[in-house]
Amino acid sequence: MHHTIDTEHRSGNRQGCLGGTRVHVLQQLEDWLEEGQGQHVFWLNGLAGTGKSTIAQTFAEVTFAEGKLGASFCS
């Protein structure tokens, strides 16, 4: 996956996941990034308030730190 060097990944004051939480889904995202097998979209779904945006923020932070962030969007 190609990435942009100057990509911004911060969304206001949103904090990422607490250490040791959401480990399974974050690992799924990492696996998708590394071995996506042509899948360009990872569909993260769930009820309101279950942490989807926090997971996305954490993944953006991790991939930014690793130089792998292509883009991010949070509203």
PDB file of N, CA and C in Angstrom:
ATOM      1  N   MET A   1       0.849  -1.164   0.000  1.00  0.00           N
ATOM      2  CA  MET A   1       0.000   0.000   0.000  1.00  0.00           C
ATOM      3  C   MET A   1       0.900   1.234   0.000  1.00  0.00           C
ATOM      4  N   HIS A   2       0.606   2.186  -0.870  1.00  0.00           N
ATOM      5  CA  HIS A   2       1.383   3.412  -0.943  1.00  0.00           C
ATOM      6  C   HIS A   2       0.965   4.366   0.172  1.00  0.00           C
ATOM      7  N   HIS A   3       1.862   5.204   0.615  1.00  0.00           N
ATOM      8  CA  HIS A   3       1.535   6.160   1.664  1.00  0.00           C
ATOM      9  C   HIS A   3       2.050   7.546   1.305  1.00  0.00           C
ATOM     10  N   THR A   4       1.496   8.544   1.969  1.00  0.00           N
ATOM     11  CA  THR A   4       1.895   9.920   1.775  1.00  0.00           C
ATOM     12  C   THR A   4       2.745  10.334   2.965  1.00  0.00           C
ATOM     13  N   ILE A   5       3.874  10.957   2.709  1.00  0.00           N
ATOM     14  CA  ILE A   5       4.816  11.301   3.772  1.00  0.00           C
ATOM     15  C   ILE A   5       4.215  12.270   4.776  1.00  0.00           C
ATOM     16  N   ASP A   6       3.496  13.284   4.336  1.00  0.00           N
ATOM     17  CA  ASP A   6       2.985  14.322   5.232  1.00  0.00           C
ATOM     18  C   ASP A   6       1.541  14.090   5.668  1.00  0.00           C
ATOM     19  N   THR A   7       1.108  12.873   5.780  1.00  0.00           N
ATOM     20  CA  THR A   7      -0.259  12.570   6.163  1.00  0.00           C
ATOM     21  C   THR A   7      -0.507  12.944   7.617  1.00  0.00           C
ATOM     22  N   GLU A   8      -1.624  13.617   7.873  1.00  0.00           N
ATOM     23  CA  GLU A   8      -2.027  13.970   9.233  1.00  0.00           C
ATOM     24  C   GLU A   8      -2.939  12.869   9.752  1.00  0.00           C
ATOM     25  N   HIS A   9      -2.785  12.492  10.996  1.00  0.00           N
ATOM     26  CA  HIS A   9      -3.575  11.386  11.537  1.00  0.00           C
ATOM     27  C   HIS A   9      -4.275  11.730  12.834  1.00  0.00           C
ATOM     28  N   ARG A  10      -4.114  12.930  13.312  1.00  0.00           N
ATOM     29  CA  ARG A  10      -4.722  13.305  14.580  1.00  0.00           C
ATOM     30  C   ARG A  10      -6.115  13.865  14.349  1.00  0.00           C
ATOM     31  N   SER A  11      -7.037  13.522  15.232  1.00  0.00           N
ATOM     32  CA  SER A  11      -8.415  13.997  15.121  1.00  0.00           C
ATOM     33  C   SER A  11      -8.800  14.689  16.423  1.00  0.00           C
ATOM     34  N   GLY A  12      -8.611  15.989  16.484  1.00  0.00           N
ATOM     35  CA  GLY A  12      -8.957  16.727  17.698  1.00  0.00           C
ATOM     36  C   GLY A  12      -8.203  16.207  18.894  1.00  0.00           C
ATOM     37  N   ASN A  13      -8.907  16.043  19.992  1.00  0.00           N
ATOM     38  CA  ASN A  13      -8.297  15.541  21.231  1.00  0.00           C
ATOM     39  C   ASN A  13      -8.544  14.052  21.435  1.00  0.00           C
ATOM     40  N   ARG A  14      -8.978  13.378  20.388  1.00  0.00           N
ATOM     41  CA  ARG A  14      -9.288  11.946  20.507  1.00  0.00           C
ATOM     42  C   ARG A  14      -8.054  11.171  20.944  1.00  0.00           C
ATOM     43  N   GLN A  15      -8.227  10.318  21.919  1.00  0.00           N
ATOM     44  CA  GLN A  15      -7.161   9.455  22.415  1.00  0.00           C
ATOM     45  C   GLN A  15      -7.300   8.076  21.799  1.00  0.00           C
ATOM     46  N   GLY A  16      -6.196   7.368  21.690  1.00  0.00           N
ATOM     47  CA  GLY A  16      -6.222   6.008  21.170  1.00  0.00           C
ATOM     48  C   GLY A  16      -6.677   5.020  22.235  1.00  0.00           C
ATOM     49  N   CYS A  17      -6.634   3.756  21.886  1.00  0.00           N
ATOM     50  CA  CYS A  17      -7.018   2.683  22.810  1.00  0.00           C
ATOM     51  C   CYS A  17      -6.071   2.639  24.008  1.00  0.00           C
ATOM     52  N   LEU A  18      -6.597   2.263  25.146  1.00  0.00           N
ATOM     53  CA  LEU A  18      -5.753   2.050  26.313  1.00  0.00           C
ATOM     54  C   LEU A  18      -4.852   0.846  26.054  1.00  0.00           C
ATOM     55  N   GLY A  19      -3.643   0.892  26.583  1.00  0.00           N
ATOM     56  CA  GLY A  19      -2.703  -0.213  26.400  1.00  0.00           C
ATOM     57  C   GLY A  19      -3.308  -1.548  26.794  1.00  0.00           C
ATOM     58  N   GLY A  20      -3.122  -2.547  25.960  1.00  0.00           N
ATOM     59  CA  GLY A  20      -3.610  -3.891  26.248  1.00  0.00           C
ATOM     60  C   GLY A  20      -5.067  -4.123  25.907  1.00  0.00           C
ATOM     61  N   THR A  21      -5.745  -3.104  25.340  1.00  0.00           N
ATOM     62  CA  THR A  21      -7.145  -3.286  24.953  1.00  0.00           C
ATOM     63  C   THR A  21      -7.239  -3.363  23.436  1.00  0.00           C
ATOM     64  N   ARG A  22      -8.320  -3.950  22.956  1.00  0.00           N
ATOM     65  CA  ARG A  22      -8.591  -4.078  21.519  1.00  0.00           C
ATOM     66  C   ARG A  22      -7.460  -4.768  20.762  1.00  0.00           C
ATOM     67  N   VAL A  23      -6.731  -5.611  21.453  1.00  0.00           N
ATOM     68  CA  VAL A  23      -5.560  -6.269  20.875  1.00  0.00           C
ATOM     69  C   VAL A  23      -5.955  -7.117  19.663  1.00  0.00           C
ATOM     70  N   HIS A  24      -7.055  -7.848  19.774  1.00  0.00           N
ATOM     71  CA  HIS A  24      -7.455  -8.754  18.695  1.00  0.00           C
ATOM     72  C   HIS A  24      -7.789  -7.982  17.415  1.00  0.00           C
ATOM     73  N   VAL A  25      -8.614  -6.959  17.524  1.00  0.00           N
ATOM     74  CA  VAL A  25      -9.009  -6.220  16.330  1.00  0.00           C
ATOM     75  C   VAL A  25      -7.833  -5.422  15.763  1.00  0.00           C
ATOM     76  N   LEU A  26      -6.961  -4.903  16.612  1.00  0.00           N
ATOM     77  CA  LEU A  26      -5.776  -4.197  16.119  1.00  0.00           C
ATOM     78  C   LEU A  26      -4.839  -5.157  15.386  1.00  0.00           C
ATOM     79  N   GLN A  27      -4.762  -6.400  15.852  1.00  0.00           N
ATOM     80  CA  GLN A  27      -3.955  -7.406  15.154  1.00  0.00           C
ATOM     81  C   GLN A  27      -4.583  -7.750  13.810  1.00  0.00           C
ATOM     82  N   GLN A  28      -5.919  -7.825  13.758  1.00  0.00           N
ATOM     83  CA  GLN A  28      -6.600  -8.070  12.488  1.00  0.00           C
ATOM     84  C   GLN A  28      -6.286  -6.952  11.495  1.00  0.00           C
ATOM     85  N   LEU A  29      -6.294  -5.716  11.964  1.00  0.00           N
ATOM     86  CA  LEU A  29      -5.973  -4.590  11.098  1.00  0.00           C
ATOM     87  C   LEU A  29      -4.536  -4.662  10.602  1.00  0.00           C
ATOM     88  N   GLU A  30      -3.616  -5.001  11.478  1.00  0.00           N
ATOM     89  CA  GLU A  30      -2.205  -5.123  11.087  1.00  0.00           C
ATOM     90  C   GLU A  30      -2.036  -6.230  10.050  1.00  0.00           C
ATOM     91  N   ASP A  31      -2.715  -7.361  10.267  1.00  0.00           N
ATOM     92  CA  ASP A  31      -2.661  -8.465   9.302  1.00  0.00           C
ATOM     93  C   ASP A  31      -3.224  -8.031   7.959  1.00  0.00           C
ATOM     94  N   TRP A  32      -4.344  -7.295   7.974  1.00  0.00           N
ATOM     95  CA  TRP A  32      -4.945  -6.802   6.739  1.00  0.00           C
ATOM     96  C   TRP A  32      -3.972  -5.884   6.002  1.00  0.00           C
ATOM     97  N   LEU A  33      -3.299  -5.009   6.743  1.00  0.00           N
ATOM     98  CA  LEU A  33      -2.347  -4.085   6.131  1.00  0.00           C
ATOM     99  C   LEU A  33      -1.203  -4.836   5.461  1.00  0.00           C
ATOM    100  N   GLU A  34      -0.682  -5.838   6.137  1.00  0.00           N
ATOM    101  CA  GLU A  34       0.479  -6.567   5.632  1.00  0.00           C
ATOM    102  C   GLU A  34       0.121  -7.623   4.590  1.00  0.00           C
ATOM    103  N   GLU A  35      -1.043  -8.259   4.747  1.00  0.00           N
ATOM    104  CA  GLU A  35      -1.393  -9.401   3.896  1.00  0.00           C
ATOM    105  C   GLU A  35      -2.769  -9.250   3.270  1.00  0.00           C
ATOM    106  N   GLY A  36      -3.180  -8.034   2.965  1.00  0.00           N
ATOM    107  CA  GLY A  36      -4.540  -7.725   2.521  1.00  0.00           C
ATOM    108  C   GLY A  36      -5.080  -8.546   1.370  1.00  0.00           C
ATOM    109  N   GLN A  37      -4.220  -9.198   0.619  1.00  0.00           N
ATOM    110  CA  GLN A  37      -4.628 -10.069  -0.490  1.00  0.00           C
ATOM    111  C   GLN A  37      -5.613  -9.369  -1.417  1.00  0.00           C
ATOM    112  N   GLY A  38      -5.304  -8.109  -1.769  1.00  0.00           N
ATOM    113  CA  GLY A  38      -6.133  -7.379  -2.700  1.00  0.00           C
ATOM    114  C   GLY A  38      -7.344  -6.698  -2.087  1.00  0.00           C
ATOM    115  N   GLN A  39      -7.552  -6.836  -0.797  1.00  0.00           N
ATOM    116  CA  GLN A  39      -8.679  -6.194  -0.129  1.00  0.00           C
ATOM    117  C   GLN A  39      -8.298  -4.763   0.217  1.00  0.00           C
ATOM    118  N   HIS A  40      -8.886  -3.775  -0.449  1.00  0.00           N
ATOM    119  CA  HIS A  40      -8.526  -2.376  -0.253  1.00  0.00           C
ATOM    120  C   HIS A  40      -9.287  -1.715   0.890  1.00  0.00           C
ATOM    121  N   VAL A  41     -10.319  -2.373   1.413  1.00  0.00           N
ATOM    122  CA  VAL A  41     -11.134  -1.800   2.480  1.00  0.00           C
ATOM    123  C   VAL A  41     -11.231  -2.790   3.629  1.00  0.00           C
ATOM    124  N   PHE A  42     -11.028  -2.295   4.843  1.00  0.00           N
ATOM    125  CA  PHE A  42     -11.279  -3.077   6.051  1.00  0.00           C
ATOM    126  C   PHE A  42     -12.537  -2.479   6.669  1.00  0.00           C
ATOM    127  N   TRP A  43     -13.605  -3.250   6.714  1.00  0.00           N
ATOM    128  CA  TRP A  43     -14.886  -2.756   7.192  1.00  0.00           C
ATOM    129  C   TRP A  43     -14.956  -2.956   8.705  1.00  0.00           C
ATOM    130  N   LEU A  44     -14.865  -1.863   9.446  1.00  0.00           N
ATOM    131  CA  LEU A  44     -14.940  -1.884  10.909  1.00  0.00           C
ATOM    132  C   LEU A  44     -16.334  -1.417  11.291  1.00  0.00           C
ATOM    133  N   ASN A  45     -17.144  -2.315  11.806  1.00  0.00           N
ATOM    134  CA  ASN A  45     -18.516  -1.941  12.129  1.00  0.00           C
ATOM    135  C   ASN A  45     -18.871  -2.344  13.553  1.00  0.00           C
ATOM    136  N   GLY A  46     -19.923  -1.741  14.062  1.00  0.00           N
ATOM    137  CA  GLY A  46     -20.394  -2.025  15.404  1.00  0.00           C
ATOM    138  C   GLY A  46     -21.384  -0.963  15.830  1.00  0.00           C
ATOM    139  N   LEU A  47     -22.001  -1.172  16.965  1.00  0.00           N
ATOM    140  CA  LEU A  47     -22.972  -0.221  17.488  1.00  0.00           C
ATOM    141  C   LEU A  47     -22.294   1.080  17.893  1.00  0.00           C
ATOM    142  N   ALA A  48     -23.090   2.141  17.974  1.00  0.00           N
ATOM    143  CA  ALA A  48     -22.580   3.439  18.403  1.00  0.00           C
ATOM    144  C   ALA A  48     -21.958   3.320  19.797  1.00  0.00           C
ATOM    145  N   GLY A  49     -20.812   3.956  19.965  1.00  0.00           N
ATOM    146  CA  GLY A  49     -20.170   3.981  21.277  1.00  0.00           C
ATOM    147  C   GLY A  49     -19.347   2.756  21.631  1.00  0.00           C
ATOM    148  N   THR A  50     -19.100   1.872  20.668  1.00  0.00           N
ATOM    149  CA  THR A  50     -18.360   0.652  20.981  1.00  0.00           C
ATOM    150  C   THR A  50     -16.856   0.762  20.714  1.00  0.00           C
ATOM    151  N   GLY A  51     -16.395   1.947  20.242  1.00  0.00           N
ATOM    152  CA  GLY A  51     -14.958   2.154  20.105  1.00  0.00           C
ATOM    153  C   GLY A  51     -14.388   2.118  18.702  1.00  0.00           C
ATOM    154  N   LYS A  52     -15.236   2.166  17.688  1.00  0.00           N
ATOM    155  CA  LYS A  52     -14.739   2.112  16.310  1.00  0.00           C
ATOM    156  C   LYS A  52     -13.793   3.264  15.999  1.00  0.00           C
ATOM    157  N   SER A  53     -14.166   4.478  16.368  1.00  0.00           N
ATOM    158  CA  SER A  53     -13.317   5.643  16.099  1.00  0.00           C
ATOM    159  C   SER A  53     -12.014   5.581  16.889  1.00  0.00           C
ATOM    160  N   THR A  54     -12.079   5.071  18.106  1.00  0.00           N
ATOM    161  CA  THR A  54     -10.875   4.930  18.922  1.00  0.00           C
ATOM    162  C   THR A  54      -9.934   3.905  18.315  1.00  0.00           C
ATOM    163  N   ILE A  55     -10.477   2.811  17.816  1.00  0.00           N
ATOM    164  CA  ILE A  55      -9.668   1.795  17.141  1.00  0.00           C
ATOM    165  C   ILE A  55      -9.029   2.390  15.889  1.00  0.00           C
ATOM    166  N   ALA A  56      -9.818   3.134  15.108  1.00  0.00           N
ATOM    167  CA  ALA A  56      -9.290   3.755  13.897  1.00  0.00           C
ATOM    168  C   ALA A  56      -8.185   4.753  14.230  1.00  0.00           C
ATOM    169  N   GLN A  57      -8.362   5.531  15.297  1.00  0.00           N
ATOM    170  CA  GLN A  57      -7.347   6.496  15.722  1.00  0.00           C
ATOM    171  C   GLN A  57      -6.063   5.770  16.125  1.00  0.00           C
ATOM    172  N   THR A  58      -6.193   4.704  16.878  1.00  0.00           N
ATOM    173  CA  THR A  58      -5.026   3.936  17.317  1.00  0.00           C
ATOM    174  C   THR A  58      -4.292   3.350  16.121  1.00  0.00           C
ATOM    175  N   PHE A  59      -5.041   2.782  15.176  1.00  0.00           N
ATOM    176  CA  PHE A  59      -4.426   2.204  13.989  1.00  0.00           C
ATOM    177  C   PHE A  59      -3.711   3.275  13.167  1.00  0.00           C
ATOM    178  N   ALA A  60      -4.317   4.459  13.056  1.00  0.00           N
ATOM    179  CA  ALA A  60      -3.678   5.563  12.333  1.00  0.00           C
ATOM    180  C   ALA A  60      -2.376   5.974  13.027  1.00  0.00           C
ATOM    181  N   GLU A  61      -2.390   6.039  14.361  1.00  0.00           N
ATOM    182  CA  GLU A  61      -1.181   6.401  15.104  1.00  0.00           C
ATOM    183  C   GLU A  61      -0.068   5.379  14.885  1.00  0.00           C
ATOM    184  N   VAL A  62      -0.419   4.110  14.954  1.00  0.00           N
ATOM    185  CA  VAL A  62       0.566   3.038  14.794  1.00  0.00           C
ATOM    186  C   VAL A  62       1.146   3.047  13.380  1.00  0.00           C
ATOM    187  N   THR A  63       0.267   3.128  12.377  1.00  0.00           N
ATOM    188  CA  THR A  63       0.763   3.098  11.004  1.00  0.00           C
ATOM    189  C   THR A  63       1.540   4.360  10.657  1.00  0.00           C
ATOM    190  N   PHE A  64       1.169   5.504  11.236  1.00  0.00           N
ATOM    191  CA  PHE A  64       1.935   6.740  11.031  1.00  0.00           C
ATOM    192  C   PHE A  64       3.340   6.572  11.600  1.00  0.00           C
ATOM    193  N   ALA A  65       3.434   6.032  12.809  1.00  0.00           N
ATOM    194  CA  ALA A  65       4.740   5.830  13.451  1.00  0.00           C
ATOM    195  C   ALA A  65       5.620   4.876  12.647  1.00  0.00           C
ATOM    196  N   GLU A  66       4.994   3.916  11.964  1.00  0.00           N
ATOM    197  CA  GLU A  66       5.738   2.941  11.165  1.00  0.00           C
ATOM    198  C   GLU A  66       5.980   3.419   9.731  1.00  0.00           C
ATOM    199  N   GLY A  67       5.513   4.629   9.387  1.00  0.00           N
ATOM    200  CA  GLY A  67       5.665   5.144   8.039  1.00  0.00           C
ATOM    201  C   GLY A  67       4.780   4.460   7.020  1.00  0.00           C
ATOM    202  N   LYS A  68       3.661   3.906   7.456  1.00  0.00           N
ATOM    203  CA  LYS A  68       2.786   3.150   6.573  1.00  0.00           C
ATOM    204  C   LYS A  68       1.422   3.791   6.369  1.00  0.00           C
ATOM    205  N   LEU A  69       1.156   4.916   6.996  1.00  0.00           N
ATOM    206  CA  LEU A  69      -0.162   5.535   6.898  1.00  0.00           C
ATOM    207  C   LEU A  69      -0.375   6.115   5.519  1.00  0.00           C
ATOM    208  N   GLY A  70      -1.438   5.675   4.844  1.00  0.00           N
ATOM    209  CA  GLY A  70      -1.769   6.200   3.526  1.00  0.00           C
ATOM    210  C   GLY A  70      -2.700   7.385   3.627  1.00  0.00           C
ATOM    211  N   ALA A  71      -3.678   7.321   4.510  1.00  0.00           N
ATOM    212  CA  ALA A  71      -4.636   8.403   4.733  1.00  0.00           C
ATOM    213  C   ALA A  71      -5.458   8.052   5.962  1.00  0.00           C
ATOM    214  N   SER A  72      -6.097   9.067   6.509  1.00  0.00           N
ATOM    215  CA  SER A  72      -7.018   8.810   7.615  1.00  0.00           C
ATOM    216  C   SER A  72      -8.124   9.851   7.597  1.00  0.00           C
ATOM    217  N   PHE A  73      -9.267   9.489   8.116  1.00  0.00           N
ATOM    218  CA  PHE A  73     -10.397  10.402   8.202  1.00  0.00           C
ATOM    219  C   PHE A  73     -11.221  10.015   9.406  1.00  0.00           C
ATOM    220  N   CYS A  74     -11.474  10.957  10.274  1.00  0.00           N
ATOM    221  CA  CYS A  74     -12.361  10.744  11.415  1.00  0.00           C
ATOM    222  C   CYS A  74     -13.246  11.961  11.537  1.00  0.00           C
ATOM    223  N   SER A  75     -14.499  11.730  11.835  1.00  0.00           N
ATOM    224  CA  SER A  75     -15.410  12.870  12.012  1.00  0.00           C
ATOM    225  C   SER A  75     -15.992  12.840  13.397  1.00  0.00           C
TER     226      SER A  75
END
